[in-house]
Amino acid sequence: MITYNGSDLILAPIAGYSDSGMRTLCFEYGAGLCYTEMVSAKGLYYKNENTADLLTIGAGEKYTGVQLFGSEANIISEVMNYEVLKKFPVIDFNMGCPVPKVVKNGEGSALLKNPTMVYNIVKALKSQAAGRKITVKIRSGFYSGYENAVETALAIEEGGADMITVHGRTREMYYTGKVNYDIIANVKSEVKIPVCGNGDVFDMDSYLRMKDTGVDFVMIARGAIGRPFIFADLHKKSYSFSVTDAIKKHIKTLSFLPENVVANNMKKHIAYYLKGKSGSKALKESIFRANSLSELVSFIDLMGE
C-alpha cells in the first residue's frame, strides 16, 4: 500500500480552515499529508501581502503540501521557483474549486472544460518541480451529464503529475448531493499514477466505501474540522482528546499572526470544536461576542474539559 508517513489519509486544502493549527493537530492524530489553504499563483506573482501567512508551516507539521490555483501557465511556472515554495515537498494544483469568483476567472473547476489547458498547466508545474511531487485536485466534471474526470485525469497524467485527487461531485453540485463513486473508480482504473478519493468521508463506513473504489489515498475535508481525531479513528488507534486542549494548541500554533486575526479566525474553528457538546450554544454565543484573544480563551477555560 502506498502511504505518506505510514498513512493513507490526507487532510484536504480547506479554504478558511486548513491553517497551520488545524494541520498540526491532524498530523498529531495520524494524517500522512496535509495541504495548506488554496494560494493564488497570481497573488504570489504580484506579491500579495496576505499570501505569506498561508504559507507558514508550524514546528509540528510533518509533511505539508501547498495548494496553488490559477490559469496562466507562464505565471505558474515562474512562481514555482520562488523561495517560499521550495520548503514544500508537494505542490498541489486546484482544478476543482466551485466558487463563482474563481470559476469566472477561468480557474478552479473551470479548467475541467479545457483538458488541453489542464495538460499545459501540469506540464509547466512538472518542468519546475525540482524534486517536488506534483498533485492535482479535480471534480467529476463541470456539469452533471458531462463528467469528464477520466479525460481530465489522463491529461494530468500525461502532463507528468504524481497523483490525482478526485472529488466525486460536479462543479454545479458544490458540496450537495451524492458522491459519484463510480467516477472515482473509473479514474483509478484508467490511470497508472496514484489516485486519492475525496467526498463525504466522515467515519469508518464512508472511509471504507471510498476505499472500495480502489483509490490509494482518502482525503478528509469537512470531516476533520473540529475533529482532528478522525485520523486516529480511521486508523483504529487509541487516543485521548480534550476540546479545551485542542483549541489552546490550535491558538498557540497561530502565534505568528496578529492576536485579533487569530481571535477572528478561531471563532469559526471553535464552533466546530464545540459541535454536539452539551451547553455549547450559550458558550458559542459568548465566544462570537469576544473582542480579544484573551477574552476568547477565558471563555474556553470555563469549559473545564
C-alpha atoms as a PDB file:
ATOM      1  CA  MET A   1       0.000   0.000   0.000  1.00  0.00           C
ATOM      2  CA  ILE A   2       1.279   3.478  -0.907  1.00  0.00           C
ATOM      3  CA  THR A   3       1.358   5.796   2.099  1.00  0.00           C
ATOM      4  CA  TYR A   4       2.646   9.137   3.314  1.00  0.00           C
ATOM      5  CA  ASN A   5       4.379   8.651   6.672  1.00  0.00           C
ATOM      6  CA  GLY A   6       2.636   5.295   7.018  1.00  0.00           C
ATOM      7  CA  SER A   7      -0.839   6.753   6.436  1.00  0.00           C
ATOM      8  CA  ASP A   8      -3.259   6.647   3.505  1.00  0.00           C
ATOM      9  CA  LEU A   9      -5.186   9.625   4.924  1.00  0.00           C
ATOM     10  CA  ILE A  10      -4.773  13.174   3.662  1.00  0.00           C
ATOM     11  CA  LEU A  11      -6.157  16.449   5.010  1.00  0.00           C
ATOM     12  CA  ALA A  12      -7.757  18.448   2.204  1.00  0.00           C
ATOM     13  CA  PRO A  13      -6.872  22.047   1.398  1.00  0.00           C
ATOM     14  CA  ILE A  14      -9.881  23.768   3.012  1.00  0.00           C
ATOM     15  CA  ALA A  15     -10.260  27.496   2.370  1.00  0.00           C
ATOM     16  CA  GLY A  16     -10.570  29.329   5.677  1.00  0.00           C
ATOM     17  CA  TYR A  17      -9.848  26.243   7.769  1.00  0.00           C
ATOM     18  CA  SER A  18      -6.735  24.170   6.974  1.00  0.00           C
ATOM     19  CA  ASP A  19      -4.375  26.610   8.676  1.00  0.00           C
ATOM     20  CA  SER A  20      -1.193  25.644  10.491  1.00  0.00           C
ATOM     21  CA  GLY A  21      -3.073  24.980  13.741  1.00  0.00           C
ATOM     22  CA  MET A  22      -5.537  22.564  12.174  1.00  0.00           C
ATOM     23  CA  ARG A  23      -2.779  20.827  10.219  1.00  0.00           C
ATOM     24  CA  THR A  24      -0.636  20.401  13.337  1.00  0.00           C
ATOM     25  CA  LEU A  25      -3.475  18.682  15.190  1.00  0.00           C
ATOM     26  CA  CYS A  26      -4.333  16.473  12.225  1.00  0.00           C
ATOM     27  CA  PHE A  27      -0.717  15.334  11.972  1.00  0.00           C
ATOM     28  CA  GLU A  28      -0.777  14.578  15.695  1.00  0.00           C
ATOM     29  CA  TYR A  29      -3.710  12.197  15.191  1.00  0.00           C
ATOM     30  CA  GLY A  30      -2.332  10.416  12.154  1.00  0.00           C
ATOM     31  CA  ALA A  31      -2.729  12.387   8.918  1.00  0.00           C
ATOM     32  CA  GLY A  32       0.024  11.420   6.473  1.00  0.00           C
ATOM     33  CA  LEU A  33      -0.115  14.552   4.341  1.00  0.00           C
ATOM     34  CA  CYS A  34      -1.837  17.893   4.948  1.00  0.00           C
ATOM     35  CA  TYR A  35      -2.372  20.690   2.474  1.00  0.00           C
ATOM     36  CA  THR A  36      -2.410  24.432   3.050  1.00  0.00           C
ATOM     37  CA  GLU A  37      -5.383  26.565   2.172  1.00  0.00           C
ATOM     38  CA  MET A  38      -5.653  27.462  -1.503  1.00  0.00           C
ATOM     39  CA  VAL A  39      -2.987  30.000  -2.564  1.00  0.00           C
ATOM     40  CA  SER A  40      -3.248  32.154  -5.680  1.00  0.00           C
ATOM     41  CA  ALA A  41      -0.316  31.794  -8.074  1.00  0.00           C
ATOM     42  CA  LYS A  42      -1.129  35.272  -9.329  1.00  0.00           C
ATOM     43  CA  GLY A  43      -1.175  36.543  -5.737  1.00  0.00           C
ATOM     44  CA  LEU A  44       2.344  35.183  -5.279  1.00  0.00           C
ATOM     45  CA  TYR A  45       3.458  36.667  -8.570  1.00  0.00           C
ATOM     46  CA  TYR A  46       2.177  40.135  -7.667  1.00  0.00           C
ATOM     47  CA  LYS A  47       3.482  39.884  -4.062  1.00  0.00           C
ATOM     48  CA  ASN A  48       0.099  39.907  -2.313  1.00  0.00           C
ATOM     49  CA  GLU A  49       0.913  40.569   1.343  1.00  0.00           C
ATOM     50  CA  ASN A  50      -1.732  38.156   2.689  1.00  0.00           C
ATOM     51  CA  THR A  51      -0.239  35.172   0.903  1.00  0.00           C
ATOM     52  CA  ALA A  52       2.776  34.762   3.227  1.00  0.00           C
ATOM     53  CA  ASP A  53       0.582  33.865   6.212  1.00  0.00           C
ATOM     54  CA  LEU A  54      -0.977  30.979   4.279  1.00  0.00           C
ATOM     55  CA  LEU A  55       2.493  29.593   3.587  1.00  0.00           C
ATOM     56  CA  THR A  56       3.734  29.471   7.192  1.00  0.00           C
ATOM     57  CA  ILE A  57       4.496  25.951   8.429  1.00  0.00           C
ATOM     58  CA  GLY A  58       4.435  25.134  12.147  1.00  0.00           C
ATOM     59  CA  ALA A  59       7.034  23.067  14.022  1.00  0.00           C
ATOM     60  CA  GLY A  60       4.558  20.201  14.479  1.00  0.00           C
ATOM     61  CA  GLU A  61       3.869  19.764  10.768  1.00  0.00           C
ATOM     62  CA  LYS A  62       5.405  16.595   9.362  1.00  0.00           C
ATOM     63  CA  TYR A  63       4.673  16.612   5.617  1.00  0.00           C
ATOM     64  CA  THR A  64       2.786  19.642   4.361  1.00  0.00           C
ATOM     65  CA  GLY A  65       1.931  20.387   0.743  1.00  0.00           C
ATOM     66  CA  VAL A  66       0.856  23.732  -0.675  1.00  0.00           C
ATOM     67  CA  GLN A  67      -2.146  24.085  -2.951  1.00  0.00           C
ATOM     68  CA  LEU A  68      -1.940  26.622  -5.754  1.00  0.00           C
ATOM     69  CA  PHE A  69      -4.618  27.839  -8.132  1.00  0.00           C
ATOM     70  CA  GLY A  70      -4.503  29.872 -11.296  1.00  0.00           C
ATOM     71  CA  SER A  71      -4.808  29.513 -15.073  1.00  0.00           C
ATOM     72  CA  GLU A  72      -1.764  31.148 -16.659  1.00  0.00           C
ATOM     73  CA  ALA A  73       0.964  28.571 -17.247  1.00  0.00           C
ATOM     74  CA  ASN A  74       3.733  31.179 -17.547  1.00  0.00           C
ATOM     75  CA  ILE A  75       2.921  32.713 -14.139  1.00  0.00           C
ATOM     76  CA  ILE A  76       2.512  29.286 -12.554  1.00  0.00           C
ATOM     77  CA  SER A  77       5.866  28.203 -13.962  1.00  0.00           C
ATOM     78  CA  GLU A  78       7.613  31.292 -12.614  1.00  0.00           C
ATOM     79  CA  VAL A  79       6.229  31.187  -9.068  1.00  0.00           C
ATOM     80  CA  MET A  80       7.293  27.550  -8.768  1.00  0.00           C
ATOM     81  CA  ASN A  81      10.843  28.891  -8.460  1.00  0.00           C
ATOM     82  CA  TYR A  82      10.039  31.283  -5.628  1.00  0.00           C
ATOM     83  CA  GLU A  83      11.977  30.542  -2.463  1.00  0.00           C
ATOM     84  CA  VAL A  84       8.815  30.499  -0.338  1.00  0.00           C
ATOM     85  CA  LEU A  85       7.553  27.410  -2.209  1.00  0.00           C
ATOM     86  CA  LYS A  86      10.791  25.432  -2.063  1.00  0.00           C
ATOM     87  CA  LYS A  87      10.124  24.235   1.514  1.00  0.00           C
ATOM     88  CA  PHE A  88       7.052  22.289   0.391  1.00  0.00           C
ATOM     89  CA  PRO A  89       7.711  18.681  -0.727  1.00  0.00           C
ATOM     90  CA  VAL A  90       4.350  18.566  -2.534  1.00  0.00           C
ATOM     91  CA  ILE A  91       2.732  21.135  -4.820  1.00  0.00           C
ATOM     92  CA  ASP A  92      -0.971  20.536  -5.383  1.00  0.00           C
ATOM     93  CA  PHE A  93      -2.905  22.357  -8.079  1.00  0.00           C
ATOM     94  CA  ASN A  94      -6.582  23.147  -7.716  1.00  0.00           C
ATOM     95  CA  MET A  95      -8.836  22.298 -10.646  1.00  0.00           C
ATOM     96  CA  GLY A  96     -11.944  21.721  -8.580  1.00  0.00           C
ATOM     97  CA  CYS A  97     -12.869  24.879  -6.666  1.00  0.00           C
ATOM     98  CA  PRO A  98     -16.540  25.683  -7.472  1.00  0.00           C
ATOM     99  CA  VAL A  99     -16.620  29.243  -6.044  1.00  0.00           C
ATOM    100  CA  PRO A 100     -18.023  31.692  -8.642  1.00  0.00           C
ATOM    101  CA  LYS A 101     -15.275  34.327  -8.327  1.00  0.00           C
ATOM    102  CA  VAL A 102     -12.653  31.642  -9.017  1.00  0.00           C
ATOM    103  CA  VAL A 103     -14.577  29.994 -11.858  1.00  0.00           C
ATOM    104  CA  LYS A 104     -15.307  33.347 -13.526  1.00  0.00           C
ATOM    105  CA  ASN A 105     -11.558  33.901 -13.826  1.00  0.00           C
ATOM    106  CA  GLY A 106     -11.196  30.605 -15.677  1.00  0.00           C
ATOM    107  CA  GLU A 107      -9.595  28.991 -12.626  1.00  0.00           C
ATOM    108  CA  GLY A 108     -10.540  26.137 -10.301  1.00  0.00           C
ATOM    109  CA  SER A 109     -13.180  23.832 -11.747  1.00  0.00           C
ATOM    110  CA  ALA A 110     -13.470  25.986 -14.899  1.00  0.00           C
ATOM    111  CA  LEU A 111     -10.302  24.224 -16.064  1.00  0.00           C
ATOM    112  CA  LEU A 112     -12.243  20.950 -16.308  1.00  0.00           C
ATOM    113  CA  LYS A 113     -13.734  22.311 -19.523  1.00  0.00           C
ATOM    114  CA  ASN A 114     -10.316  22.556 -21.174  1.00  0.00           C
ATOM    115  CA  PRO A 115      -8.169  19.373 -20.962  1.00  0.00           C
ATOM    116  CA  THR A 116      -5.515  20.951 -23.201  1.00  0.00           C
ATOM    117  CA  MET A 117      -5.037  23.801 -20.732  1.00  0.00           C
ATOM    118  CA  VAL A 118      -5.001  21.239 -17.932  1.00  0.00           C
ATOM    119  CA  TYR A 119      -2.159  19.416 -19.657  1.00  0.00           C
ATOM    120  CA  ASN A 120      -0.198  22.645 -20.244  1.00  0.00           C
ATOM    121  CA  ILE A 121      -0.504  23.725 -16.605  1.00  0.00           C
ATOM    122  CA  VAL A 122       0.573  20.346 -15.244  1.00  0.00           C
ATOM    123  CA  LYS A 123       3.483  20.234 -17.678  1.00  0.00           C
ATOM    124  CA  ALA A 124       4.551  23.712 -16.526  1.00  0.00           C
ATOM    125  CA  LEU A 125       4.355  22.613 -12.882  1.00  0.00           C
ATOM    126  CA  LYS A 126       6.326  19.443 -13.545  1.00  0.00           C
ATOM    127  CA  SER A 127       9.007  21.242 -15.527  1.00  0.00           C
ATOM    128  CA  GLN A 128       9.798  23.354 -12.459  1.00  0.00           C
ATOM    129  CA  ALA A 129       9.173  20.687  -9.810  1.00  0.00           C
ATOM    130  CA  ALA A 130      12.863  20.253  -8.891  1.00  0.00           C
ATOM    131  CA  GLY A 131      12.213  17.065  -6.954  1.00  0.00           C
ATOM    132  CA  ARG A 132       8.875  18.099  -5.503  1.00  0.00           C
ATOM    133  CA  LYS A 133       5.813  15.938  -6.092  1.00  0.00           C
ATOM    134  CA  ILE A 134       3.066  17.444  -8.263  1.00  0.00           C
ATOM    135  CA  THR A 135      -0.515  16.552  -7.379  1.00  0.00           C
ATOM    136  CA  VAL A 136      -3.769  17.819  -8.868  1.00  0.00           C
ATOM    137  CA  LYS A 137      -7.267  18.015  -7.388  1.00  0.00           C
ATOM    138  CA  ILE A 138     -10.262  17.783  -9.728  1.00  0.00           C
ATOM    139  CA  ARG A 139     -14.006  17.141  -9.629  1.00  0.00           C
ATOM    140  CA  SER A 140     -16.033  14.558 -11.522  1.00  0.00           C
ATOM    141  CA  GLY A 141     -16.824  17.214 -14.122  1.00  0.00           C
ATOM    142  CA  PHE A 142     -18.202  20.712 -14.560  1.00  0.00           C
ATOM    143  CA  TYR A 143     -21.808  19.805 -15.377  1.00  0.00           C
ATOM    144  CA  SER A 144     -23.951  16.818 -14.471  1.00  0.00           C
ATOM    145  CA  GLY A 145     -24.166  14.695 -17.601  1.00  0.00           C
ATOM    146  CA  TYR A 146     -20.693  15.851 -18.614  1.00  0.00           C
ATOM    147  CA  GLU A 147     -18.490  14.082 -16.105  1.00  0.00           C
ATOM    148  CA  ASN A 148     -15.134  14.173 -17.882  1.00  0.00           C
ATOM    149  CA  ALA A 149     -12.933  13.303 -14.904  1.00  0.00           C
ATOM    150  CA  VAL A 150     -11.312  10.415 -16.771  1.00  0.00           C
ATOM    151  CA  GLU A 151     -10.374  12.591 -19.759  1.00  0.00           C
ATOM    152  CA  THR A 152      -9.048  15.274 -17.410  1.00  0.00           C
ATOM    153  CA  ALA A 153      -7.128  12.725 -15.339  1.00  0.00           C
ATOM    154  CA  LEU A 154      -5.453  11.309 -18.429  1.00  0.00           C
ATOM    155  CA  ALA A 155      -4.339  14.828 -19.424  1.00  0.00           C
ATOM    156  CA  ILE A 156      -2.985  15.318 -15.902  1.00  0.00           C
ATOM    157  CA  GLU A 157      -1.107  12.036 -16.041  1.00  0.00           C
ATOM    158  CA  GLU A 158       0.320  12.858 -19.451  1.00  0.00           C
ATOM    159  CA  GLY A 159       1.479  16.220 -18.091  1.00  0.00           C
ATOM    160  CA  GLY A 160       3.575  14.389 -15.519  1.00  0.00           C
ATOM    161  CA  ALA A 161       1.630  14.626 -12.250  1.00  0.00           C
ATOM    162  CA  ASP A 162       2.466  12.242  -9.403  1.00  0.00           C
ATOM    163  CA  MET A 163      -1.073  11.887  -8.012  1.00  0.00           C
ATOM    164  CA  ILE A 164      -4.662  12.903  -8.767  1.00  0.00           C
ATOM    165  CA  THR A 165      -7.367  13.636  -6.205  1.00  0.00           C
ATOM    166  CA  VAL A 166     -10.935  13.222  -7.426  1.00  0.00           C
ATOM    167  CA  HIS A 167     -13.845  14.856  -5.603  1.00  0.00           C
ATOM    168  CA  GLY A 168     -16.868  12.834  -6.670  1.00  0.00           C
ATOM    169  CA  ARG A 169     -19.137  15.783  -7.407  1.00  0.00           C
ATOM    170  CA  THR A 170     -19.523  18.135 -10.369  1.00  0.00           C
ATOM    171  CA  ARG A 171     -18.902  21.835 -10.055  1.00  0.00           C
ATOM    172  CA  GLU A 172     -22.614  22.646 -10.198  1.00  0.00           C
ATOM    173  CA  MET A 173     -23.268  20.345  -7.223  1.00  0.00           C
ATOM    174  CA  TYR A 174     -20.859  22.294  -4.977  1.00  0.00           C
ATOM    175  CA  TYR A 175     -20.989  20.194  -1.766  1.00  0.00           C
ATOM    176  CA  THR A 176     -24.526  18.845  -2.023  1.00  0.00           C
ATOM    177  CA  GLY A 177     -25.966  15.639  -3.462  1.00  0.00           C
ATOM    178  CA  LYS A 178     -24.394  12.216  -3.512  1.00  0.00           C
ATOM    179  CA  VAL A 179     -20.759  11.483  -4.263  1.00  0.00           C
ATOM    180  CA  ASN A 180     -20.262   9.619  -7.557  1.00  0.00           C
ATOM    181  CA  TYR A 181     -18.044   6.715  -6.513  1.00  0.00           C
ATOM    182  CA  ASP A 182     -18.182   5.182  -9.989  1.00  0.00           C
ATOM    183  CA  ILE A 183     -16.393   8.186 -11.494  1.00  0.00           C
ATOM    184  CA  ILE A 184     -13.648   7.903  -8.889  1.00  0.00           C
ATOM    185  CA  ALA A 185     -13.303   4.171  -9.591  1.00  0.00           C
ATOM    186  CA  ASN A 186     -13.175   4.848 -13.352  1.00  0.00           C
ATOM    187  CA  VAL A 187     -10.333   7.328 -12.920  1.00  0.00           C
ATOM    188  CA  LYS A 188      -8.439   4.849 -10.780  1.00  0.00           C
ATOM    189  CA  SER A 189      -8.822   2.121 -13.409  1.00  0.00           C
ATOM    190  CA  GLU A 190      -7.669   4.356 -16.278  1.00  0.00           C
ATOM    191  CA  VAL A 191      -4.528   5.993 -14.886  1.00  0.00           C
ATOM    192  CA  LYS A 192      -1.293   4.453 -13.677  1.00  0.00           C
ATOM    193  CA  ILE A 193      -0.403   7.085 -11.071  1.00  0.00           C
ATOM    194  CA  PRO A 194      -1.858   7.047  -7.519  1.00  0.00           C
ATOM    195  CA  VAL A 195      -5.404   8.328  -7.017  1.00  0.00           C
ATOM    196  CA  CYS A 196      -6.918   9.913  -3.918  1.00  0.00           C
ATOM    197  CA  GLY A 197     -10.687   9.798  -3.357  1.00  0.00           C
ATOM    198  CA  ASN A 198     -12.492  12.784  -1.843  1.00  0.00           C
ATOM    199  CA  GLY A 199     -16.060  13.480  -0.766  1.00  0.00           C
ATOM    200  CA  ASP A 200     -18.187  12.916   2.346  1.00  0.00           C
ATOM    201  CA  VAL A 201     -15.706  10.891   4.386  1.00  0.00           C
ATOM    202  CA  PHE A 202     -16.869  11.375   7.967  1.00  0.00           C
ATOM    203  CA  ASP A 203     -16.494   7.945   9.586  1.00  0.00           C
ATOM    204  CA  MET A 204     -15.296   4.373   9.112  1.00  0.00           C
ATOM    205  CA  ASP A 205     -18.205   3.364   6.883  1.00  0.00           C
ATOM    206  CA  SER A 206     -17.672   6.257   4.461  1.00  0.00           C
ATOM    207  CA  TYR A 207     -13.900   5.686   4.529  1.00  0.00           C
ATOM    208  CA  LEU A 208     -14.344   2.017   3.601  1.00  0.00           C
ATOM    209  CA  ARG A 209     -16.857   2.947   0.891  1.00  0.00           C
ATOM    210  CA  MET A 210     -14.274   5.265  -0.636  1.00  0.00           C
ATOM    211  CA  LYS A 211     -11.553   2.611  -0.413  1.00  0.00           C
ATOM    212  CA  ASP A 212     -13.863   0.223  -2.294  1.00  0.00           C
ATOM    213  CA  THR A 213     -13.267   2.363  -5.397  1.00  0.00           C
ATOM    214  CA  GLY A 214      -9.680   1.140  -5.395  1.00  0.00           C
ATOM    215  CA  VAL A 215      -8.106   4.505  -4.528  1.00  0.00           C
ATOM    216  CA  ASP A 216      -4.662   4.636  -2.948  1.00  0.00           C
ATOM    217  CA  PHE A 217      -5.455   7.527  -0.610  1.00  0.00           C
ATOM    218  CA  VAL A 218      -8.523   9.024   1.041  1.00  0.00           C
ATOM    219  CA  MET A 219      -8.862  12.770   1.555  1.00  0.00           C
ATOM    220  CA  ILE A 220     -10.705  14.142   4.589  1.00  0.00           C
ATOM    221  CA  ALA A 221     -12.175  17.637   4.386  1.00  0.00           C
ATOM    222  CA  ARG A 222     -15.220  18.727   6.406  1.00  0.00           C
ATOM    223  CA  GLY A 223     -14.985  15.540   8.467  1.00  0.00           C
ATOM    224  CA  ALA A 224     -11.775  16.844  10.074  1.00  0.00           C
ATOM    225  CA  ILE A 225     -12.923  20.356  11.004  1.00  0.00           C
ATOM    226  CA  GLY A 226     -13.094  20.412  14.804  1.00  0.00           C
ATOM    227  CA  ARG A 227     -12.423  16.647  14.719  1.00  0.00           C
ATOM    228  CA  PRO A 228      -8.694  16.099  14.069  1.00  0.00           C
ATOM    229  CA  PHE A 229      -9.021  12.766  15.865  1.00  0.00           C
ATOM    230  CA  ILE A 230     -10.870  11.348  12.842  1.00  0.00           C
ATOM    231  CA  PHE A 231      -7.465  10.244  11.523  1.00  0.00           C
ATOM    232  CA  ALA A 232      -6.865   8.133  14.643  1.00  0.00           C
ATOM    233  CA  ASP A 233     -10.417   6.772  14.420  1.00  0.00           C
ATOM    234  CA  LEU A 234      -9.907   5.618  10.850  1.00  0.00           C
ATOM    235  CA  HIS A 235      -6.556   4.067  11.707  1.00  0.00           C
ATOM    236  CA  LYS A 236      -8.209   2.318  14.663  1.00  0.00           C
ATOM    237  CA  LYS A 237      -5.643   3.793  17.035  1.00  0.00           C
ATOM    238  CA  SER A 238      -6.384   4.700  20.644  1.00  0.00           C
ATOM    239  CA  TYR A 239      -6.167   8.378  21.569  1.00  0.00           C
ATOM    240  CA  SER A 240      -7.305  10.989  24.056  1.00  0.00           C
ATOM    241  CA  PHE A 241      -8.913  14.240  23.026  1.00  0.00           C
ATOM    242  CA  SER A 242      -9.696  17.362  25.021  1.00  0.00           C
ATOM    243  CA  VAL A 243     -11.604  20.130  23.274  1.00  0.00           C
ATOM    244  CA  THR A 244     -10.053  22.741  25.551  1.00  0.00           C
ATOM    245  CA  ASP A 245      -6.511  21.498  24.981  1.00  0.00           C
ATOM    246  CA  ALA A 246      -7.059  21.217  21.226  1.00  0.00           C
ATOM    247  CA  ILE A 247      -8.361  24.774  20.955  1.00  0.00           C
ATOM    248  CA  LYS A 248      -5.470  26.154  23.021  1.00  0.00           C
ATOM    249  CA  LYS A 249      -2.904  24.241  20.967  1.00  0.00           C
ATOM    250  CA  HIS A 250      -4.557  25.471  17.776  1.00  0.00           C
ATOM    251  CA  ILE A 251      -4.346  29.060  19.037  1.00  0.00           C
ATOM    252  CA  LYS A 252      -0.710  28.702  20.134  1.00  0.00           C
ATOM    253  CA  THR A 253       0.286  27.393  16.709  1.00  0.00           C
ATOM    254  CA  LEU A 254      -1.105  30.549  15.113  1.00  0.00           C
ATOM    255  CA  SER A 255       1.007  32.862  17.293  1.00  0.00           C
ATOM    256  CA  PHE A 256       2.802  34.210  14.199  1.00  0.00           C
ATOM    257  CA  LEU A 257      -0.414  36.100  13.321  1.00  0.00           C
ATOM    258  CA  PRO A 258      -1.705  39.296  14.978  1.00  0.00           C
ATOM    259  CA  GLU A 259      -3.896  38.484  18.016  1.00  0.00           C
ATOM    260  CA  ASN A 260      -7.033  39.999  16.523  1.00  0.00           C
ATOM    261  CA  VAL A 261      -6.594  37.889  13.387  1.00  0.00           C
ATOM    262  CA  VAL A 262      -6.153  34.718  15.453  1.00  0.00           C
ATOM    263  CA  ALA A 263      -9.247  35.559  17.534  1.00  0.00           C
ATOM    264  CA  ASN A 264     -11.406  36.098  14.459  1.00  0.00           C
ATOM    265  CA  ASN A 265     -10.063  33.020  12.663  1.00  0.00           C
ATOM    266  CA  MET A 266     -10.557  30.804  15.701  1.00  0.00           C
ATOM    267  CA  LYS A 267     -14.228  31.649  16.175  1.00  0.00           C
ATOM    268  CA  LYS A 268     -15.295  29.551  13.189  1.00  0.00           C
ATOM    269  CA  HIS A 269     -12.990  26.708  14.252  1.00  0.00           C
ATOM    270  CA  ILE A 270     -14.365  26.755  17.803  1.00  0.00           C
ATOM    271  CA  ALA A 271     -17.916  26.460  16.504  1.00  0.00           C
ATOM    272  CA  TYR A 272     -16.891  23.080  15.064  1.00  0.00           C
ATOM    273  CA  TYR A 273     -14.864  22.013  18.098  1.00  0.00           C
ATOM    274  CA  LEU A 274     -17.951  22.565  20.244  1.00  0.00           C
ATOM    275  CA  LYS A 275     -20.414  20.935  17.849  1.00  0.00           C
ATOM    276  CA  GLY A 276     -22.636  18.478  19.691  1.00  0.00           C
ATOM    277  CA  LYS A 277     -21.274  19.406  23.132  1.00  0.00           C
ATOM    278  CA  SER A 278     -23.755  19.923  25.970  1.00  0.00           C
ATOM    279  CA  GLY A 279     -24.347  23.616  26.697  1.00  0.00           C
ATOM    280  CA  SER A 280     -22.311  24.677  23.681  1.00  0.00           C
ATOM    281  CA  LYS A 281     -24.928  27.075  22.301  1.00  0.00           C
ATOM    282  CA  ALA A 282     -24.525  29.648  25.073  1.00  0.00           C
ATOM    283  CA  LEU A 283     -20.743  29.252  25.060  1.00  0.00           C
ATOM    284  CA  LYS A 284     -20.550  29.765  21.295  1.00  0.00           C
ATOM    285  CA  GLU A 285     -22.647  32.916  21.599  1.00  0.00           C
ATOM    286  CA  SER A 286     -20.205  34.276  24.196  1.00  0.00           C
ATOM    287  CA  ILE A 287     -17.206  33.346  22.068  1.00  0.00           C
ATOM    288  CA  PHE A 288     -18.593  35.095  18.995  1.00  0.00           C
ATOM    289  CA  ARG A 289     -19.049  38.245  21.096  1.00  0.00           C
ATOM    290  CA  ALA A 290     -15.448  38.129  22.338  1.00  0.00           C
ATOM    291  CA  ASN A 291     -13.432  41.202  21.358  1.00  0.00           C
ATOM    292  CA  SER A 292      -9.957  39.872  22.085  1.00  0.00           C
ATOM    293  CA  LEU A 293      -7.975  36.651  22.110  1.00  0.00           C
ATOM    294  CA  SER A 294      -7.593  36.716  25.900  1.00  0.00           C
ATOM    295  CA  GLU A 295     -11.345  37.101  26.314  1.00  0.00           C
ATOM    296  CA  LEU A 296     -11.935  34.217  23.927  1.00  0.00           C
ATOM    297  CA  VAL A 297      -9.506  31.988  25.862  1.00  0.00           C
ATOM    298  CA  SER A 298     -11.195  32.875  29.155  1.00  0.00           C
ATOM    299  CA  PHE A 299     -14.478  31.541  27.802  1.00  0.00           C
ATOM    300  CA  ILE A 300     -12.730  28.352  26.719  1.00  0.00           C
ATOM    301  CA  ASP A 301     -11.351  27.930  30.256  1.00  0.00           C
ATOM    302  CA  LEU A 302     -14.921  27.953  31.579  1.00  0.00           C
ATOM    303  CA  MET A 303     -15.497  24.649  29.829  1.00  0.00           C
ATOM    304  CA  GLY A 304     -13.254  22.904  32.338  1.00  0.00           C
ATOM    305  CA  GLU A 305     -12.605  19.992  29.966  1.00  0.00           C
END
